[in-house]
Every structure is written in structure tokens, then in C-alpha cells.
Protein backbone atom coordinates (compact mmCIF):
# COMPACT_ATOMS: atom_id res chain seq x y z
CA MET A 1 132.71 28.41 151.32
CA ASN A 2 130.39 30.75 149.42
CA ILE A 3 127.39 30.12 147.21
CA THR A 4 125.27 32.12 144.80
CA VAL A 5 121.87 30.70 143.88
CA LEU A 6 120.13 32.23 140.85
CA THR A 7 116.79 31.69 139.14
CA PRO A 8 115.89 33.30 135.81
CA ASP A 9 114.03 35.98 137.82
CA LYS A 10 116.25 36.77 140.80
CA LYS A 11 119.06 35.88 143.17
CA ILE A 12 117.59 33.73 145.96
CA PHE A 13 120.70 33.12 148.08
CA GLU A 14 124.19 34.54 148.38
CA GLY A 15 126.72 34.11 151.17
CA ALA A 16 128.69 31.84 153.46
CA ILE A 17 127.62 28.23 153.91
CA ILE A 18 128.78 25.02 155.60
CA SER A 19 127.13 22.69 153.07
CA VAL A 20 124.59 22.32 150.30
CA LYS A 21 122.66 19.19 149.26
CA VAL A 22 121.32 19.08 145.70
CA PRO A 23 119.21 16.66 143.62
CA GLY A 24 121.79 15.64 141.01
CA THR A 25 120.71 13.85 137.84
CA ASP A 26 122.40 10.66 139.11
CA GLY A 27 121.19 11.11 142.69
CA GLN A 28 121.36 13.53 145.59
CA PHE A 29 124.81 14.70 146.68
CA GLN A 30 126.30 17.09 149.21
CA VAL A 31 129.04 19.68 148.75
CA LEU A 32 131.31 20.47 151.70
CA LYS A 33 134.43 22.65 152.05
CA ASN A 34 137.28 21.72 149.68
CA HIS A 35 135.01 19.64 147.43
CA ALA A 36 136.57 18.59 144.15
CA PRO A 37 135.66 20.77 141.15
CA ILE A 38 132.40 19.59 139.57
CA VAL A 39 129.70 20.64 137.15
CA SER A 40 126.43 18.71 137.33
CA SER A 41 122.86 18.98 136.12
CA LEU A 42 120.06 18.92 138.68
CA GLU A 43 116.63 17.32 138.66
CA LYS A 44 113.41 18.27 140.41
CA GLY A 45 113.88 18.04 144.16
CA LYS A 46 115.10 19.88 147.25
CA VAL A 47 118.16 22.06 147.68
CA VAL A 48 119.18 22.22 151.35
CA ILE A 49 121.63 24.95 152.41
CA VAL A 50 123.25 25.10 155.88
CA THR A 51 124.64 28.55 156.65
CA SER A 52 128.05 29.34 158.11
CA LYS A 53 129.48 32.24 160.11
CA GLY A 54 129.33 35.40 158.06
CA ASP A 55 126.72 37.42 156.25
CA TYR A 56 124.26 35.95 153.79
CA GLU A 57 121.11 37.02 151.97
CA TYR A 58 118.26 34.70 151.07
CA PHE A 59 114.80 34.79 149.54
CA ASP A 60 112.23 34.01 152.23
CA GLU A 61 109.37 32.23 150.44
CA GLU A 62 106.88 32.98 153.23
CA SER A 63 107.34 36.75 153.19
CA GLY A 64 108.42 37.04 149.55
CA ASN A 65 111.34 39.27 150.58
CA ILE A 66 115.14 39.11 150.55
CA VAL A 67 116.35 38.72 154.15
CA LYS A 68 119.87 39.58 155.38
CA MET A 69 121.24 37.50 158.26
CA ALA A 70 124.45 36.25 159.88
CA GLU A 71 123.05 33.33 161.91
CA PRO A 72 125.30 30.23 161.54
CA GLY A 73 123.71 26.79 161.30
CA LYS A 74 120.42 27.93 159.77
CA THR A 75 118.92 25.42 157.33
CA ILE A 76 117.24 26.88 154.25
CA THR A 77 115.38 24.59 151.83
CA TYR A 78 114.14 25.33 148.32
CA ALA A 79 112.06 22.96 146.17
CA VAL A 80 113.50 23.33 142.67
CA THR A 81 112.44 22.21 139.19
CA GLY A 82 116.00 21.52 137.98
CA GLY A 83 119.15 23.38 137.03
CA PHE A 84 122.93 23.17 137.24
CA ILE A 85 125.65 23.40 139.91
CA GLU A 86 129.30 24.36 139.52
CA VAL A 87 131.86 23.98 142.32
CA LEU A 88 135.36 25.45 142.03
CA ASN A 89 137.77 26.56 144.79
CA ASN A 90 135.07 26.67 147.50
CA GLU A 91 132.88 28.92 145.31
CA ILE A 92 129.54 27.41 144.30
CA SER A 93 127.22 28.64 141.57
CA LEU A 94 123.75 27.14 141.56
CA LEU A 95 121.56 27.97 138.57
CA ILE A 96 117.94 26.97 139.21
CA GLU A 97 115.32 26.68 136.45
CA GLY A 98 112.60 27.64 138.91
CA LEU A 99 111.06 27.09 142.32
CA GLN A 100 108.24 24.59 142.74
CA GLU A 101 104.92 26.06 143.83
């Protein structure tokens, strides 16, 4: 399963994942492999990504840089201000309004 996470400013994650938890408007939910197609709005909260085997790139908030890795099972969390998620055929697009300070 692959995901692309975008803010208005930059791409903050792209690559292979096992799962992603998001703060949906009607409550938090998790997307796993072969999830049914869905489009949902997101509220302020945490997005939690668990990486899979394969390459991925993510924005490291501590260093302020894009980091390339291939470590499976890494958990990456972003505090977001809202946005939208689309899931279709194990491809996930996550559009984030912004990151919380």
C-alpha cells in the first residue's frame, strides 16, 4: 500500500506503508491493505503512519529536512489541522491543511 501526504507547502510523506490512522470528521479511523474506497474529511488531530518494506521519504519535523529510508515498522506521527483522505486500490492520498506548531 502506498501513500502520498501533501500540505499546501510541500510533500511530507511518500512511500510504502502498513497502515495509517487519521482523525476523521466522525472519529478516528485506520486504513489497512485492501481497504474499501473512501473519501473523508479530517479534523484537527494526529496522523499516525506505520511504514512497510520498501523505500519512503518523509519530512522530519526535528531536522526540517526530507529523509529517505527503507526501515519497515517505523511509526511517524504528524499533528494536523485538518484535511482530506482518499483511498482507492491501495493508493492513499492525504491532503493536509497544515501541521500544528
